[in-house]
Amino acid sequence: MISASEFGWIMPEIMLAGWGLLLLIIGGLTRGPVASKTCGVLSVIGSVCAMYFTVNLWGGNQEVFNQLYTIDNFGTFFKGLFIAILILVSVVSLRYADREEIGSGEYYALLMFGVLGMMVMTSSHHFVTIFIGLEVMSLSIYVLCGLLRGNLSSVEAALKYFLLGAFATAFLLYGMAMIYGSTGLMDVADLKKFFLTKQPFSATMFVIGLGFLIVGFGFKIASVPFHMWTPDVYQGAPTSITAYMATGVKAAAFGALIRVFFTAFVPFQFGWSEIIWVLAVLTMCIGNITALVQRDIKRMLAYSSIAHAGYILVAFITGDRTLASSMLYYLMAYSFMNIGAFTVVIVLQKKGDNNSDLDSYAGLGARHPFIALCMSIFLLSLAGVPPLAGFMGKFYVFSTAVKAQYYWLAIIGFLNSVVAAYYYLRVMMYMYFRDTIGEPGTADKAPGYGLVMLICIWALLHMGIFPKTFLLIAQKAVGIFS
C-alpha cells in the first residue's frame, strides 16, 4: 500500500516533472526570444528549488513505493550532482539556446526530464525502475541531440545515438531478463542475499546476463569497445547538450553501475573485475591515443571523456566498497572540468557553426586573455595538474588501485595521464604561442558564460585545495555499501 507520505521523499523528482510540464505548456503558448529567455530563467529557478529539496534529503534512509525506489545518501549525492549540472547548463543555454534558436520551452523541459531519468536510474535498486529511468533519460537526449534541425551533423548525431542507444538498451534489458530467469529476482538487494546464501541458480544464464549488463552500461559510459558513437554525437549535438551528455549521462550510468554491481554482484567480484580490467586499459589507451590526432576541440574532448571513463573504471575494478568514494569524487571534478571547457567552446563558436577547429584557438591568449585563462585552467585540471581537482581525482583513483594491489593498472593509468597532457597542452600552446590564423573570430561575451566559467574554476580550485571536505561527502554517499 502506497501512502501519501512517501511522495514527500521524492520532492526533487516531482519538482522536475511538474516544472518540466509547465515549461512545455509555456513553450506551446509562446514563441520568440522573450519566451526563450523566460523559459530559461524558469528552468534555473525550478532547478534551484529542486536542489533545495535534494539537500534536505541528505541523511535520509527510506524505501518507498513497495521498495521499488530508495532514498539514501548515494542517490542523494547523484541527485545533487545532476541538478548542479542542470543549473549550469541552463545558465549557459540562456544565451546559447537563444542564439541557435533552439531555446523553446521544449528544450528546457527535456533537460529537466533527462535529469529526472538520471535520478531514477541512480536511486533505484530494482531492474524495472532502473530501466524506466534509463529510458526517460535516453528519450530526452535523443531529441535534444537533433534540435539543430538545419545542421546535418546534428540530425545525424541524433539518429546515430538513437539507433546505437536502442541497440545497447536491448542488451541491458536482455541482461536483466537473463538474470531474472536465472535467479527469479530483480531487486539488487535481494540478489545480494540470494548469492550470499548460496541458493541454486542457472550459472550459464547468469553469466550471459551479467555480460549483457556490462555491454549495456559500457555503451552509456562510453567505454571501449562501445564508444564508437561518442565523437560523432558529441561533435554534432548542440554544444550545450554535449556538455550535458558528457557529464550527466556518464555520471548516471556510473551511478547505476556502482549500485548494481557493488550491491548484487559483490560475491562474483573476482570474475567481473577481470573483464573490467581489460575494458579500463583499452578505454584509457584508445581514448587518449585517438585524442592525440584530433583537430576539432569537441572531438578531442569526446575522446578525452572516453579516457576519463577508463580512469574511473580503474577504481571500479577493485570492488572495494570502502574505496568507492574516489569514483564519486572524480565524477564531481570531471563534471566541472567538462562543463567549463565546453562553455569556452560555446563562447568561441559562431551562430550556426557547430565546429570548433583548433586553428580558431590560435592567438586566443592575446585576443581574449580571460577566456584563454579559463580554458587553460580547465585543460590543466583535465590533465591532472595540481592544485586543481583533476589532480586529486586521479590521485585518489590510482591510490585505490594501489591499495587493492592492482599495481600495473595504476602504472598504465599514470602513463596514460602523461600522454593525455600532450593534447591538452597543445591547445594551450595554440592559445598563447601561435599567431591568429585567418580573420580573428569574435567571442560571445554573455554574462551567463562568465558566471558558469567562474563557478567551475572556483569548484576545481576548492576541490583541489580542500579535497577532504568533498571526499567526506563521497564517503558518506558510498557508506550504504559497507
Protein backbone atom coordinates (compact mmCIF):
# COMPACT_ATOMS: atom_id res chain seq x y z
CA MET A 1 0.00 0.00 0.00
CA ILE A 2 1.46 3.35 -1.06
CA SER A 3 0.98 6.14 1.48
CA ALA A 4 0.80 9.86 0.74
CA SER A 5 3.84 10.49 2.96
CA GLU A 6 6.02 8.58 0.51
CA PHE A 7 5.65 11.37 -2.03
CA GLY A 8 7.49 13.69 0.34
CA TRP A 9 10.63 11.63 -0.23
CA ILE A 10 10.57 12.26 -3.98
CA MET A 11 10.01 16.02 -3.98
CA PRO A 12 13.03 16.69 -6.25
CA GLU A 13 11.61 14.32 -8.86
CA ILE A 14 8.11 15.78 -8.51
CA MET A 15 9.56 19.28 -8.81
CA LEU A 16 11.41 18.49 -12.03
CA ALA A 17 8.48 16.62 -13.58
CA GLY A 18 5.96 19.34 -12.71
CA TRP A 19 8.25 22.19 -13.73
CA GLY A 20 9.07 20.44 -17.00
CA LEU A 21 5.36 20.10 -17.82
CA LEU A 22 4.88 23.80 -17.01
CA LEU A 23 7.68 24.72 -19.41
CA LEU A 24 6.08 22.56 -22.11
CA ILE A 25 2.82 24.47 -21.71
CA ILE A 26 4.56 27.85 -21.76
CA GLY A 27 6.60 26.81 -24.80
CA GLY A 28 3.46 25.74 -26.62
CA LEU A 29 1.69 29.04 -25.96
CA THR A 30 4.54 31.49 -26.59
CA ARG A 31 7.38 31.82 -29.09
CA GLY A 32 10.26 34.18 -29.76
CA PRO A 33 13.35 35.49 -27.93
CA VAL A 34 11.40 36.74 -24.90
CA ALA A 35 9.70 33.37 -24.46
CA SER A 36 13.08 31.63 -24.78
CA LYS A 37 14.62 33.79 -22.07
CA THR A 38 11.56 33.34 -19.84
CA CYS A 39 11.71 29.55 -20.14
CA GLY A 40 15.45 29.62 -19.43
CA VAL A 41 15.04 31.69 -16.28
CA LEU A 42 12.16 29.50 -15.10
CA SER A 43 14.32 26.43 -15.70
CA VAL A 44 17.06 27.83 -13.47
CA ILE A 45 14.52 28.74 -10.76
CA GLY A 46 12.93 25.29 -10.87
CA SER A 47 16.34 23.61 -10.72
CA VAL A 48 17.36 25.65 -7.68
CA CYS A 49 14.11 24.66 -5.93
CA ALA A 50 14.79 21.00 -6.76
CA MET A 51 18.28 21.39 -5.29
CA TYR A 52 16.74 22.72 -2.06
CA PHE A 53 14.56 19.63 -1.71
CA THR A 54 17.52 17.39 -2.56
CA VAL A 55 19.78 18.88 0.12
CA ASN A 56 17.05 18.26 2.70
CA LEU A 57 17.10 14.54 1.82
CA TRP A 58 20.76 14.13 2.87
CA GLY A 59 20.99 11.65 5.70
CA GLY A 60 17.63 10.08 4.88
CA ASN A 61 17.25 6.32 4.50
CA GLN A 62 13.88 5.18 3.25
CA GLU A 63 12.44 2.71 0.75
CA VAL A 64 9.24 3.85 -0.95
CA PHE A 65 6.67 2.59 -3.46
CA ASN A 66 6.81 -1.06 -2.43
CA GLN A 67 10.62 -0.99 -2.27
CA LEU A 68 10.96 -0.04 -5.94
CA TYR A 69 12.68 3.23 -5.06
CA THR A 70 15.16 4.07 -2.35
CA ILE A 71 16.21 7.30 -0.67
CA ASP A 72 19.77 7.16 0.65
CA ASN A 73 22.94 9.24 0.63
CA PHE A 74 24.21 7.55 -2.53
CA GLY A 75 21.16 8.52 -4.55
CA THR A 76 21.00 11.97 -2.95
CA PHE A 77 24.65 12.62 -3.87
CA PHE A 78 23.94 11.92 -7.52
CA LYS A 79 20.71 13.93 -7.45
CA GLY A 80 22.67 16.94 -6.22
CA LEU A 81 25.30 16.43 -8.92
CA PHE A 82 22.68 16.11 -11.68
CA ILE A 83 20.85 19.23 -10.58
CA ALA A 84 24.12 21.18 -10.36
CA ILE A 85 24.83 20.13 -13.96
CA LEU A 86 21.28 21.13 -14.95
CA ILE A 87 21.65 24.57 -13.37
CA LEU A 88 24.98 25.26 -15.09
CA VAL A 89 23.76 24.03 -18.49
CA SER A 90 20.55 26.06 -18.13
CA VAL A 91 22.52 29.23 -17.36
CA VAL A 92 24.74 28.62 -20.40
CA SER A 93 21.65 27.97 -22.51
CA LEU A 94 20.10 31.34 -21.63
CA ARG A 95 22.29 32.83 -24.35
CA TYR A 96 23.39 29.82 -26.41
CA ALA A 97 19.94 28.29 -26.98
CA ASP A 98 18.54 31.71 -27.88
CA ARG A 99 21.44 32.33 -30.28
CA GLU A 100 20.95 29.00 -32.04
CA GLU A 101 17.15 29.41 -31.97
CA ILE A 102 16.53 26.19 -30.04
CA GLY A 103 15.61 27.76 -26.70
CA SER A 104 11.94 26.85 -26.61
CA GLY A 105 10.06 25.51 -23.62
CA GLU A 106 10.58 22.01 -25.02
CA TYR A 107 14.36 22.42 -24.82
CA TYR A 108 14.40 23.24 -21.10
CA ALA A 109 11.64 20.71 -20.35
CA LEU A 110 13.67 17.94 -21.97
CA LEU A 111 16.71 18.97 -19.93
CA MET A 112 14.61 18.52 -16.79
CA PHE A 113 13.08 15.24 -17.92
CA GLY A 114 16.56 13.94 -18.72
CA VAL A 115 17.74 14.74 -15.19
CA LEU A 116 14.58 13.12 -13.83
CA GLY A 117 15.56 9.91 -15.62
CA MET A 118 19.10 10.15 -14.25
CA MET A 119 17.71 10.47 -10.72
CA VAL A 120 15.52 7.41 -11.13
CA MET A 121 18.45 5.39 -12.51
CA THR A 122 20.71 6.07 -9.53
CA SER A 123 18.04 5.87 -6.81
CA SER A 124 16.55 2.54 -7.86
CA HIS A 125 17.63 -0.90 -6.73
CA HIS A 126 15.11 -2.73 -8.88
CA PHE A 127 15.83 -3.57 -12.52
CA VAL A 128 12.43 -2.32 -13.71
CA THR A 129 12.79 1.19 -12.27
CA ILE A 130 16.43 1.40 -13.38
CA PHE A 131 15.28 0.62 -16.91
CA ILE A 132 12.46 3.18 -16.73
CA GLY A 133 14.92 5.85 -15.59
CA LEU A 134 17.29 4.92 -18.40
CA GLU A 135 14.55 5.26 -21.00
CA VAL A 136 13.31 8.62 -19.68
CA MET A 137 16.87 9.95 -19.81
CA SER A 138 17.66 8.45 -23.22
CA LEU A 139 14.48 9.56 -24.98
CA SER A 140 15.01 13.13 -23.79
CA ILE A 141 18.58 13.20 -25.08
CA TYR A 142 17.70 11.65 -28.45
CA VAL A 143 15.52 14.70 -29.13
CA LEU A 144 17.97 17.22 -27.66
CA CYS A 145 20.78 15.96 -29.90
CA GLY A 146 18.82 16.78 -33.06
CA LEU A 147 17.49 20.22 -32.16
CA LEU A 148 19.79 21.97 -34.65
CA ARG A 149 17.42 20.95 -37.44
CA GLY A 150 19.23 22.96 -40.09
CA ASN A 151 22.55 21.29 -39.27
CA LEU A 152 23.00 17.92 -40.94
CA SER A 153 25.59 16.78 -38.38
CA SER A 154 23.11 17.41 -35.55
CA VAL A 155 20.41 15.33 -37.22
CA GLU A 156 22.99 12.62 -37.93
CA ALA A 157 24.10 12.69 -34.28
CA ALA A 158 20.53 12.24 -33.06
CA LEU A 159 19.86 9.36 -35.45
CA LYS A 160 23.14 7.64 -34.66
CA TYR A 161 22.65 7.99 -30.91
CA PHE A 162 19.07 6.73 -31.19
CA LEU A 163 19.96 3.63 -33.21
CA LEU A 164 23.01 2.64 -31.19
CA GLY A 165 21.33 3.63 -27.93
CA ALA A 166 18.36 1.40 -28.69
CA PHE A 167 20.75 -1.43 -29.53
CA ALA A 168 22.60 -1.01 -26.21
CA THR A 169 19.34 -0.72 -24.28
CA ALA A 170 18.27 -4.05 -25.75
CA PHE A 171 21.46 -5.64 -24.41
CA LEU A 172 20.84 -4.13 -20.97
CA LEU A 173 17.22 -5.25 -20.89
CA TYR A 174 18.08 -8.73 -22.12
CA GLY A 175 20.78 -8.96 -19.45
CA MET A 176 18.25 -8.07 -16.76
CA ALA A 177 15.86 -10.68 -18.17
CA MET A 178 18.57 -13.37 -18.18
CA ILE A 179 19.48 -12.65 -14.56
CA TYR A 180 15.80 -12.76 -13.62
CA GLY A 181 15.44 -16.05 -15.48
CA SER A 182 18.45 -17.42 -13.62
CA THR A 183 17.52 -16.31 -10.10
CA GLY A 184 13.86 -15.27 -10.18
CA LEU A 185 14.81 -11.89 -8.67
CA MET A 186 15.05 -8.31 -9.97
CA ASP A 187 15.83 -6.41 -6.77
CA VAL A 188 19.59 -5.93 -6.34
CA ALA A 189 19.40 -6.17 -2.53
CA ASP A 190 17.51 -9.45 -2.81
CA LEU A 191 20.07 -10.69 -5.34
CA LYS A 192 22.85 -9.99 -2.84
CA LYS A 193 21.10 -12.07 -0.16
CA PHE A 194 20.37 -14.79 -2.72
CA PHE A 195 24.03 -15.17 -3.70
CA LEU A 196 25.37 -14.90 -0.14
CA THR A 197 23.11 -17.76 0.99
CA LYS A 198 24.37 -19.81 -1.99
CA GLN A 199 20.97 -20.62 -3.43
CA PRO A 200 20.96 -22.76 -6.62
CA PHE A 201 20.70 -20.90 -9.93
CA SER A 202 21.49 -21.33 -13.62
CA ALA A 203 25.14 -20.27 -13.85
CA THR A 204 25.26 -20.17 -17.65
CA MET A 205 22.23 -17.92 -17.96
CA PHE A 206 23.54 -15.70 -15.16
CA VAL A 207 26.97 -15.25 -16.76
CA ILE A 208 25.40 -14.34 -20.11
CA GLY A 209 23.09 -11.86 -18.37
CA LEU A 210 25.98 -10.30 -16.48
CA GLY A 211 27.90 -9.91 -19.74
CA PHE A 212 24.93 -8.20 -21.39
CA LEU A 213 24.67 -5.81 -18.42
CA ILE A 214 28.33 -4.85 -18.87
CA VAL A 215 27.71 -4.20 -22.59
CA GLY A 216 24.67 -2.01 -21.88
CA PHE A 217 26.36 0.04 -19.18
CA GLY A 218 29.56 0.17 -21.24
CA PHE A 219 27.71 1.97 -24.01
CA LYS A 220 26.33 4.61 -21.64
CA ILE A 221 29.71 5.33 -20.03
CA ALA A 222 31.39 5.25 -23.47
CA SER A 223 33.96 2.60 -22.64
CA VAL A 224 35.90 0.82 -25.37
CA PRO A 225 34.75 -1.04 -27.47
CA PHE A 226 31.29 0.50 -27.01
CA HIS A 227 32.48 4.06 -27.62
CA MET A 228 32.21 4.48 -31.39
CA TRP A 229 29.15 6.73 -31.19
CA THR A 230 30.76 9.24 -28.83
CA PRO A 231 32.89 11.53 -31.06
CA ASP A 232 30.27 11.90 -33.81
CA VAL A 233 27.41 12.51 -31.38
CA TYR A 234 29.39 14.91 -29.19
CA GLN A 235 30.54 16.88 -32.25
CA GLY A 236 27.15 17.01 -33.97
CA ALA A 237 24.92 17.75 -30.98
CA PRO A 238 24.35 21.34 -29.79
CA THR A 239 27.38 22.15 -27.64
CA SER A 240 25.29 22.78 -24.52
CA ILE A 241 23.81 19.29 -24.94
CA THR A 242 27.29 17.86 -25.48
CA ALA A 243 28.29 19.26 -22.07
CA TYR A 244 25.07 17.85 -20.58
CA MET A 245 25.70 14.39 -22.07
CA ALA A 246 29.41 14.26 -21.27
CA THR A 247 28.72 14.90 -17.59
CA GLY A 248 25.16 13.94 -16.64
CA VAL A 249 24.71 10.82 -18.75
CA LYS A 250 28.12 9.44 -17.82
CA ALA A 251 27.56 10.12 -14.11
CA ALA A 252 24.11 8.50 -14.23
CA ALA A 253 25.47 5.38 -15.92
CA PHE A 254 28.29 5.08 -13.41
CA GLY A 255 25.87 5.65 -10.53
CA ALA A 256 23.59 2.83 -11.67
CA LEU A 257 26.58 0.61 -12.46
CA ILE A 258 28.06 1.11 -8.98
CA ARG A 259 24.76 0.49 -7.20
CA VAL A 260 24.00 -2.70 -9.12
CA PHE A 261 27.47 -4.28 -9.06
CA PHE A 262 28.53 -3.16 -5.57
CA THR A 263 25.26 -4.44 -4.12
CA ALA A 264 24.17 -7.50 -6.07
CA PHE A 265 27.32 -8.92 -7.62
CA VAL A 266 29.98 -8.49 -4.93
CA PRO A 267 30.27 -12.29 -4.44
CA PHE A 268 31.39 -12.53 -8.09
CA GLN A 269 33.74 -9.55 -7.95
CA PHE A 270 36.78 -11.56 -9.00
CA GLY A 271 35.05 -12.69 -12.19
CA TRP A 272 33.67 -9.39 -13.47
CA SER A 273 36.68 -7.36 -12.31
CA GLU A 274 38.90 -9.22 -14.78
CA ILE A 275 36.62 -8.17 -17.64
CA ILE A 276 36.51 -4.57 -16.42
CA TRP A 277 40.33 -4.60 -16.08
CA VAL A 278 40.65 -5.18 -19.83
CA LEU A 279 37.96 -2.60 -20.63
CA ALA A 280 39.65 0.01 -18.41
CA VAL A 281 43.03 -0.41 -20.10
CA LEU A 282 41.55 -0.33 -23.60
CA THR A 283 39.38 2.68 -22.73
CA MET A 284 42.27 4.72 -21.34
CA CYS A 285 44.71 3.84 -24.12
CA ILE A 286 42.41 4.12 -27.14
CA GLY A 287 40.71 7.26 -25.80
CA ASN A 288 43.99 9.09 -25.25
CA ILE A 289 45.80 7.86 -28.36
CA THR A 290 42.90 8.81 -30.62
CA ALA A 291 42.58 12.22 -28.96
CA LEU A 292 46.18 12.98 -29.93
CA VAL A 293 45.31 13.35 -33.62
CA GLN A 294 42.09 15.35 -33.30
CA ARG A 295 41.92 18.86 -34.77
CA ASP A 296 38.41 19.63 -33.56
CA ILE A 297 38.14 20.59 -29.89
CA LYS A 298 34.75 18.92 -29.41
CA ARG A 299 36.03 15.65 -30.85
CA MET A 300 39.17 15.93 -28.74
CA LEU A 301 37.07 16.40 -25.61
CA ALA A 302 34.88 13.47 -26.70
CA TYR A 303 37.86 11.12 -26.84
CA SER A 304 39.10 12.69 -23.62
CA SER A 305 35.80 11.76 -21.96
CA ILE A 306 36.30 8.17 -23.14
CA ALA A 307 39.73 8.12 -21.48
CA HIS A 308 38.29 9.56 -18.26
CA ALA A 309 35.74 6.75 -18.18
CA GLY A 310 38.74 4.42 -18.16
CA TYR A 311 40.26 6.23 -15.18
CA ILE A 312 37.03 5.84 -13.21
CA LEU A 313 36.87 2.14 -14.13
CA VAL A 314 40.31 1.75 -12.52
CA ALA A 315 38.73 2.40 -9.12
CA PHE A 316 35.63 0.40 -10.01
CA ILE A 317 37.69 -2.74 -10.68
CA THR A 318 38.82 -3.00 -7.06
CA GLY A 319 35.29 -3.84 -5.95
CA ASP A 320 36.21 -2.31 -2.59
CA ARG A 321 33.11 -0.53 -1.40
CA THR A 322 35.06 1.47 1.20
CA LEU A 323 37.25 2.94 -1.57
CA ALA A 324 34.39 3.67 -3.98
CA SER A 325 34.35 7.29 -2.81
CA SER A 326 37.24 8.02 -5.19
CA MET A 327 34.90 7.40 -8.14
CA LEU A 328 32.31 9.84 -6.82
CA TYR A 329 34.94 12.49 -6.15
CA TYR A 330 36.30 12.02 -9.68
CA LEU A 331 32.83 12.35 -11.20
CA MET A 332 32.31 15.65 -9.37
CA ALA A 333 35.62 17.05 -10.58
CA TYR A 334 35.09 15.68 -14.09
CA SER A 335 31.69 17.39 -14.36
CA PHE A 336 33.02 20.85 -13.53
CA MET A 337 36.06 20.43 -15.81
CA ASN A 338 33.96 19.46 -18.81
CA ILE A 339 31.15 21.95 -18.36
CA GLY A 340 33.75 24.71 -18.08
CA ALA A 341 35.64 23.55 -21.18
CA PHE A 342 32.50 23.20 -23.29
CA THR A 343 31.35 26.64 -22.15
CA VAL A 344 34.55 28.09 -23.62
CA VAL A 345 33.82 26.22 -26.85
CA ILE A 346 30.34 27.79 -26.92
CA VAL A 347 31.76 31.27 -26.33
CA LEU A 348 34.06 30.96 -29.35
CA GLN A 349 31.57 29.37 -31.74
CA LYS A 350 29.67 31.45 -34.27
CA LYS A 351 25.92 31.26 -34.74
CA GLY A 352 25.02 28.26 -36.85
CA ASP A 353 28.57 26.92 -36.76
CA ASN A 354 28.89 23.81 -34.63
CA ASN A 355 32.58 23.31 -35.41
CA SER A 356 35.49 24.16 -33.10
CA ASP A 357 38.67 23.81 -35.13
CA LEU A 358 41.96 24.01 -33.23
CA ASP A 359 43.19 26.79 -35.54
CA SER A 360 40.43 29.09 -34.27
CA TYR A 361 42.11 28.99 -30.84
CA ALA A 362 45.41 30.33 -32.19
CA GLY A 363 46.29 33.66 -30.59
CA LEU A 364 43.37 33.46 -28.16
CA GLY A 365 45.60 34.49 -25.25
CA ALA A 366 46.24 37.86 -26.90
CA ARG A 367 42.70 38.42 -28.21
CA HIS A 368 40.69 37.24 -25.21
CA PRO A 369 43.02 36.71 -22.22
CA PHE A 370 40.25 35.91 -19.71
CA ILE A 371 38.72 33.22 -21.91
CA ALA A 372 42.15 31.73 -22.62
CA LEU A 373 42.95 31.69 -18.89
CA CYS A 374 39.69 29.90 -18.09
CA MET A 375 40.28 27.31 -20.81
CA SER A 376 43.83 26.78 -19.56
CA ILE A 377 42.58 26.04 -16.05
CA PHE A 378 40.03 23.53 -17.33
CA LEU A 379 42.60 21.81 -19.56
CA LEU A 380 45.19 21.66 -16.77
CA SER A 381 42.61 20.11 -14.47
CA LEU A 382 41.71 17.55 -17.13
CA ALA A 383 45.42 16.78 -17.45
CA GLY A 384 45.68 16.27 -13.67
CA VAL A 385 47.91 19.21 -12.73
CA PRO A 386 47.91 20.33 -9.06
CA PRO A 387 46.41 22.13 -7.22
CA LEU A 388 43.28 21.53 -9.31
CA ALA A 389 40.59 18.93 -8.66
CA GLY A 390 41.65 16.80 -11.61
CA PHE A 391 44.95 16.04 -9.90
CA MET A 392 43.31 14.95 -6.66
CA GLY A 393 40.76 12.88 -8.58
CA LYS A 394 43.46 10.92 -10.37
CA PHE A 395 45.48 10.64 -7.16
CA TYR A 396 42.54 9.07 -5.30
CA VAL A 397 41.65 6.75 -8.19
CA PHE A 398 45.19 5.46 -8.71
CA SER A 399 45.73 5.20 -4.93
CA THR A 400 42.65 2.99 -4.78
CA ALA A 401 44.19 0.70 -7.40
CA VAL A 402 47.48 0.54 -5.49
CA LYS A 403 45.72 -0.28 -2.20
CA ALA A 404 43.92 -3.13 -3.96
CA GLN A 405 47.30 -4.30 -5.37
CA TYR A 406 46.44 -3.51 -8.99
CA TYR A 407 49.90 -2.05 -9.49
CA TRP A 408 50.10 -2.49 -13.25
CA LEU A 409 46.73 -0.87 -13.69
CA ALA A 410 47.86 2.17 -11.70
CA ILE A 411 51.05 2.39 -13.78
CA ILE A 412 49.10 2.17 -17.05
CA GLY A 413 46.74 4.87 -15.78
CA PHE A 414 49.63 7.15 -14.85
CA LEU A 415 51.30 6.69 -18.25
CA ASN A 416 48.02 7.49 -19.96
CA SER A 417 47.77 10.70 -17.94
CA VAL A 418 51.19 11.69 -19.27
CA VAL A 419 50.06 11.00 -22.84
CA ALA A 420 46.86 12.99 -22.29
CA ALA A 421 48.84 16.00 -21.09
CA TYR A 422 50.21 16.40 -24.63
CA TYR A 423 46.91 17.13 -26.35
CA TYR A 424 45.68 19.36 -23.53
CA LEU A 425 48.91 21.38 -23.55
CA ARG A 426 48.80 21.56 -27.35
CA VAL A 427 45.61 23.62 -27.13
CA MET A 428 47.31 25.95 -24.64
CA MET A 429 50.29 26.24 -26.96
CA TYR A 430 47.98 27.36 -29.76
CA MET A 431 46.30 29.90 -27.49
CA TYR A 432 49.50 31.52 -26.23
CA PHE A 433 52.30 30.76 -28.69
CA ARG A 434 50.62 30.82 -32.10
CA ASP A 435 49.55 33.87 -34.08
CA THR A 436 45.93 34.23 -35.09
CA ILE A 437 45.19 32.22 -38.23
CA GLY A 438 42.95 33.98 -40.76
CA GLU A 439 40.36 36.51 -39.68
CA PRO A 440 40.18 36.68 -35.86
CA GLY A 441 36.91 35.35 -34.52
CA THR A 442 34.74 37.17 -32.04
CA ALA A 443 33.74 35.89 -28.61
CA ASP A 444 30.18 35.84 -27.36
CA LYS A 445 30.61 37.57 -24.01
CA ALA A 446 27.23 36.97 -22.39
CA PRO A 447 27.30 37.33 -18.56
CA GLY A 448 25.98 33.79 -18.08
CA TYR A 449 29.02 32.29 -19.75
CA GLY A 450 31.43 34.13 -17.48
CA LEU A 451 29.41 33.16 -14.41
CA VAL A 452 29.48 29.46 -15.30
CA MET A 453 33.21 29.53 -16.04
CA LEU A 454 33.96 31.25 -12.73
CA ILE A 455 31.78 28.79 -10.79
CA CYS A 456 33.58 25.86 -12.42
CA ILE A 457 37.01 27.38 -11.69
CA TRP A 458 36.04 28.02 -8.06
CA ALA A 459 34.82 24.42 -7.71
CA LEU A 460 38.00 22.97 -9.25
CA LEU A 461 40.27 25.07 -7.04
CA HIS A 462 38.23 24.43 -3.90
CA MET A 463 38.08 20.68 -4.55
CA GLY A 464 41.79 20.60 -5.35
CA ILE A 465 42.99 22.62 -2.35
CA PHE A 466 40.45 21.32 0.19
CA PRO A 467 39.66 17.83 -1.11
CA LYS A 468 38.81 16.25 2.24
CA THR A 469 35.50 18.11 2.50
CA PHE A 470 34.28 16.69 -0.80
CA LEU A 471 35.84 13.28 -0.21
CA LEU A 472 33.97 13.06 3.10
CA ILE A 473 30.69 13.73 1.27
CA ALA A 474 31.57 10.98 -1.20
CA GLN A 475 32.48 8.59 1.63
CA LYS A 476 29.13 9.18 3.32
CA ALA A 477 27.42 8.52 -0.01
CA VAL A 478 29.08 5.12 -0.50
CA GLY A 479 28.59 4.22 3.17
CA ILE A 480 25.41 2.38 2.18
CA PHE A 481 27.53 -0.37 0.62
CA SER A 482 29.56 -1.15 3.74
